[in-house]
Amino acid sequence: MPGFISPSLRANLKRSMLECGWCLLPPKALNCVHGLSCVLGEVVEGATRRNILITRTRAESRPGTLSALSGEGRQPFHTDAAHRLVPPRYVVLRHVAGEAQTRTHLLDTHRYLRSVDGVREQMEASLWRVNGGRTAFYSSALVCRGRRLQVRFDPMCMTPMNGDAEAVRSALLDDGGPGQRFGESVLIDVGCTLVIDNVRVLHARGVACRDDDRSHRRVIARYYFAGRHR
């Protein structure tokens, strides 16, 4: 049945999202990504112009994108759609074709904040100018909404405006920083689906499998979900 997920899968997904902020679903566990709406809320329409992600070289990439910065190399940790006033709560990445050797790196910021003294205060005090396209706004890298901590970070669209922001940027871009100490790495095989809490877990594509044959490059279908209201 389109859009249906089993009770056991639903329970596993909820548990994983609560424990670490992400969940990797194996092939055939999900017959329709939209079925995740029973847990993740409604699909966010129009959140991005491109919902198919293909590994690109710097020369092939649009200016201002992460691919233009990193090409086939490792991307920096980031929040998807950080340029929006309200980034989507969840990002879903489904591997639909191509090579399966490119890893995805994940940093649970809740674990990071609990493990290092002073990081929460520094992230809350950080001030950034966010380029939202036609408009710009100012934001902290960490805010508390209700009882939920929400992180926003993307070095491509966020410019540090104070010393705390400079320190946060330096730490998150450091190859030997929190990503190395507290992060995890997963391989999204063809048919697998990775669900990420986008305001808790920063993610980054690892070094891509270099191949001049475009048909071999990893193809990811990306979906945004708004989150369920409580």
Protein backbone atom coordinates (compact mmCIF):
# COMPACT_ATOMS: atom_id res chain seq x y z
CA MET A 1 0.00 0.00 0.00
CA PRO A 2 1.53 3.36 -1.04
CA GLY A 3 2.44 5.54 1.91
CA PHE A 4 2.17 2.71 4.48
CA ILE A 5 4.90 1.91 6.99
CA SER A 6 4.67 -0.94 9.45
CA PRO A 7 4.17 -0.35 13.19
CA SER A 8 7.58 -1.88 13.91
CA LEU A 9 9.31 0.43 11.43
CA ARG A 10 7.45 3.41 12.86
CA ALA A 11 8.54 2.48 16.41
CA ASN A 12 12.16 1.95 15.32
CA LEU A 13 12.22 5.27 13.51
CA LYS A 14 10.82 7.17 16.48
CA ARG A 15 13.29 5.52 18.85
CA SER A 16 16.30 6.27 16.65
CA MET A 17 15.29 9.89 16.10
CA LEU A 18 14.90 10.35 19.85
CA GLU A 19 18.21 8.66 20.72
CA CYS A 20 20.57 10.08 18.10
CA GLY A 21 18.59 12.24 15.65
CA TRP A 22 18.95 10.02 12.57
CA CYS A 23 17.91 6.63 11.25
CA LEU A 24 19.11 4.53 8.31
CA LEU A 25 16.33 2.44 6.76
CA PRO A 26 17.38 -0.64 4.76
CA PRO A 27 16.21 -1.40 1.20
CA LYS A 28 12.59 -2.54 0.92
CA ALA A 29 11.80 -1.23 4.41
CA LEU A 30 9.94 1.63 2.77
CA ASN A 31 7.87 1.42 -0.39
CA CYS A 32 7.01 5.13 -0.50
CA VAL A 33 8.92 8.00 1.12
CA HIS A 34 5.69 9.93 1.64
CA GLY A 35 4.63 7.22 4.09
CA LEU A 36 7.06 8.79 6.56
CA SER A 37 4.63 11.68 7.01
CA CYS A 38 2.89 9.71 9.78
CA VAL A 39 6.05 10.29 11.86
CA LEU A 40 7.76 13.29 10.23
CA GLY A 41 4.80 15.49 9.34
CA GLU A 42 3.90 16.78 5.90
CA VAL A 43 6.33 17.05 2.99
CA VAL A 44 7.57 20.62 2.59
CA GLU A 45 6.75 21.62 -0.96
CA GLY A 46 8.93 24.16 -2.71
CA ALA A 47 11.67 24.01 -0.08
CA THR A 48 14.25 23.49 -2.81
CA ARG A 49 14.35 23.80 -6.58
CA ARG A 50 16.34 20.60 -6.93
CA ASN A 51 15.35 17.42 -5.14
CA ILE A 52 17.75 15.16 -7.07
CA LEU A 53 21.35 15.35 -5.89
CA ILE A 54 24.17 14.16 -8.14
CA THR A 55 27.86 14.39 -7.32
CA ARG A 56 29.37 17.25 -9.34
CA THR A 57 32.81 18.70 -9.86
CA ARG A 58 33.45 22.35 -8.97
CA ALA A 59 33.29 23.31 -12.65
CA GLU A 60 29.86 21.66 -13.04
CA SER A 61 28.35 23.25 -9.91
CA ARG A 62 26.29 26.40 -9.53
CA PRO A 63 28.10 29.25 -7.72
CA GLY A 64 27.28 29.51 -4.04
CA THR A 65 26.53 25.81 -3.57
CA LEU A 66 28.41 23.34 -1.40
CA SER A 67 29.47 21.48 -4.53
CA ALA A 68 31.03 24.68 -5.88
CA LEU A 69 33.08 24.83 -2.68
CA SER A 70 34.00 21.16 -2.29
CA GLY A 71 33.46 19.56 -5.68
CA GLU A 72 33.95 15.83 -5.26
CA GLY A 73 35.79 16.34 -1.97
CA ARG A 74 34.23 16.14 1.47
CA GLN A 75 31.60 18.78 2.15
CA PRO A 76 31.49 20.73 5.42
CA PHE A 77 28.91 19.93 8.09
CA HIS A 78 25.74 21.91 7.53
CA THR A 79 22.02 22.34 8.11
CA ASP A 80 19.95 21.88 4.94
CA ALA A 81 18.10 25.03 3.82
CA ALA A 82 19.78 27.09 6.56
CA HIS A 83 19.07 30.16 4.39
CA ARG A 84 15.37 29.88 5.15
CA LEU A 85 13.81 31.59 8.18
CA VAL A 86 12.43 28.20 9.20
CA PRO A 87 14.57 25.32 7.91
CA PRO A 88 12.76 22.01 7.37
CA ARG A 89 12.69 19.85 10.49
CA TYR A 90 13.66 16.63 8.71
CA VAL A 91 15.75 15.76 5.67
CA VAL A 92 15.24 12.40 3.97
CA LEU A 93 17.92 11.11 1.57
CA ARG A 94 17.09 8.08 -0.56
CA HIS A 95 19.84 6.50 -2.67
CA VAL A 96 18.23 5.72 -6.01
CA ALA A 97 21.13 4.99 -8.37
CA GLY A 98 24.86 5.04 -8.93
CA GLU A 99 27.88 4.04 -6.86
CA ALA A 100 27.49 3.25 -3.19
CA GLN A 101 30.92 4.08 -1.79
CA THR A 102 30.35 7.70 -0.77
CA ARG A 103 29.78 8.00 2.97
CA THR A 104 27.59 10.51 4.79
CA HIS A 105 28.95 12.04 7.99
CA LEU A 106 26.62 12.93 10.86
CA LEU A 107 27.17 15.07 13.96
CA ASP A 108 24.57 14.86 16.73
CA THR A 109 24.90 18.33 18.21
CA HIS A 110 23.02 17.30 21.37
CA ARG A 111 25.83 14.88 22.16
CA TYR A 112 28.41 17.52 21.25
CA LEU A 113 26.83 20.12 23.53
CA ARG A 114 26.68 17.66 26.43
CA SER A 115 30.29 16.60 26.00
CA VAL A 116 32.18 19.90 25.74
CA ASP A 117 31.89 22.62 28.37
CA GLY A 118 31.06 26.08 27.10
CA VAL A 119 30.01 25.05 23.59
CA ARG A 120 26.30 25.61 24.17
CA GLU A 121 26.87 29.11 25.54
CA GLN A 122 29.20 29.94 22.66
CA MET A 123 26.75 28.73 20.01
CA GLU A 124 23.87 30.61 21.64
CA ALA A 125 25.96 33.81 21.80
CA SER A 126 27.13 33.51 18.19
CA LEU A 127 25.67 36.04 15.75
CA TRP A 128 25.44 35.36 12.02
CA ARG A 129 24.23 37.21 8.98
CA VAL A 130 22.25 34.71 6.92
CA ASN A 131 21.93 35.27 3.18
CA GLY A 132 18.37 34.24 2.46
CA GLY A 133 18.51 34.99 -1.26
CA ARG A 134 16.50 38.14 -1.85
CA THR A 135 16.71 39.11 1.80
CA ALA A 136 19.10 38.63 4.70
CA PHE A 137 18.50 38.15 8.40
CA TYR A 138 20.44 37.62 11.60
CA SER A 139 20.45 34.43 13.62
CA SER A 140 22.25 32.52 16.33
CA ALA A 141 23.69 29.09 15.60
CA LEU A 142 21.65 27.67 18.48
CA VAL A 143 18.20 28.64 19.74
CA CYS A 144 15.79 27.03 22.17
CA ARG A 145 12.19 26.75 21.00
CA GLY A 146 10.02 25.40 23.78
CA ARG A 147 12.13 22.58 25.16
CA ARG A 148 13.86 21.83 21.87
CA LEU A 149 17.34 23.04 20.96
CA GLN A 150 17.66 23.90 17.29
CA VAL A 151 20.93 24.30 15.41
CA ARG A 152 21.53 26.30 12.24
CA PHE A 153 24.88 26.18 10.44
CA ASP A 154 25.97 26.49 6.82
CA PRO A 155 29.28 28.19 5.97
CA MET A 156 28.03 28.99 2.45
CA CYS A 157 25.14 31.22 3.46
CA MET A 158 26.06 32.25 7.03
CA THR A 159 28.64 34.95 7.74
CA PRO A 160 30.03 35.22 11.30
CA MET A 161 29.41 38.63 12.89
CA ASN A 162 31.12 38.23 16.26
CA GLY A 163 33.94 36.33 17.92
CA ASP A 164 31.69 33.54 19.16
CA ALA A 165 30.49 32.89 15.62
CA GLU A 166 34.07 32.85 14.34
CA ALA A 167 34.97 30.27 16.99
CA VAL A 168 31.94 28.09 16.16
CA ARG A 169 32.75 28.22 12.46
CA SER A 170 36.38 27.32 13.05
CA ALA A 171 35.46 24.37 15.27
CA LEU A 172 32.83 22.91 12.93
CA LEU A 173 35.10 23.23 9.87
CA ASP A 174 38.08 21.63 11.62
CA ASP A 175 38.73 18.15 10.22
CA GLY A 176 39.94 17.05 13.65
CA GLY A 177 37.16 18.87 15.53
CA PRO A 178 33.78 17.71 16.86
CA GLY A 179 32.97 15.76 13.71
CA GLN A 180 36.01 13.58 14.28
CA ARG A 181 35.45 13.23 18.04
CA PHE A 182 31.67 12.90 18.23
CA GLY A 183 30.46 12.26 14.66
CA GLU A 184 29.39 9.05 12.94
CA SER A 185 29.67 7.89 9.35
CA VAL A 186 27.16 5.84 7.39
CA LEU A 187 27.00 4.32 3.94
CA ILE A 188 23.68 4.77 2.16
CA ASP A 189 23.48 1.73 -0.10
CA VAL A 190 21.25 1.78 -3.17
CA GLY A 191 17.65 1.55 -2.01
CA CYS A 192 18.45 2.71 1.53
CA THR A 193 16.88 5.81 3.08
CA LEU A 194 18.57 8.09 5.61
CA VAL A 195 16.30 10.19 7.85
CA ILE A 196 17.95 13.17 9.58
CA ASP A 197 16.62 15.56 12.22
CA ASN A 198 17.79 18.67 10.38
CA VAL A 199 17.72 21.02 13.39
CA ARG A 200 19.65 18.62 15.62
CA VAL A 201 22.09 16.73 13.39
CA LEU A 202 24.56 18.40 11.04
CA HIS A 203 25.45 16.29 8.03
CA ALA A 204 28.05 16.27 5.28
CA ARG A 205 28.69 14.21 2.18
CA GLY A 206 32.04 12.46 2.32
CA VAL A 207 34.64 12.26 -0.43
CA ALA A 208 32.89 11.13 -3.60
CA CYS A 209 33.95 8.21 -5.75
CA ARG A 210 35.68 10.00 -8.64
CA ASP A 211 34.44 8.78 -11.98
CA ASP A 212 34.24 10.66 -15.29
CA ASP A 213 31.29 8.49 -16.31
CA ARG A 214 28.30 10.43 -14.96
CA SER A 215 26.14 7.32 -15.07
CA HIS A 216 28.19 5.86 -12.21
CA ARG A 217 27.82 8.85 -9.89
CA ARG A 218 25.67 8.57 -6.80
CA VAL A 219 22.12 9.85 -7.24
CA ILE A 220 20.17 10.86 -4.13
CA ALA A 221 16.51 11.85 -3.98
CA ARG A 222 16.03 14.44 -1.24
CA TYR A 223 12.80 15.24 0.59
CA TYR A 224 12.01 17.78 3.31
CA PHE A 225 9.43 17.22 6.05
CA ALA A 226 8.00 19.91 8.29
CA GLY A 227 7.78 17.91 11.52
CA ARG A 228 4.68 17.03 13.48
CA HIS A 229 3.07 19.64 15.73
CA ARG A 230 2.62 18.70 19.37
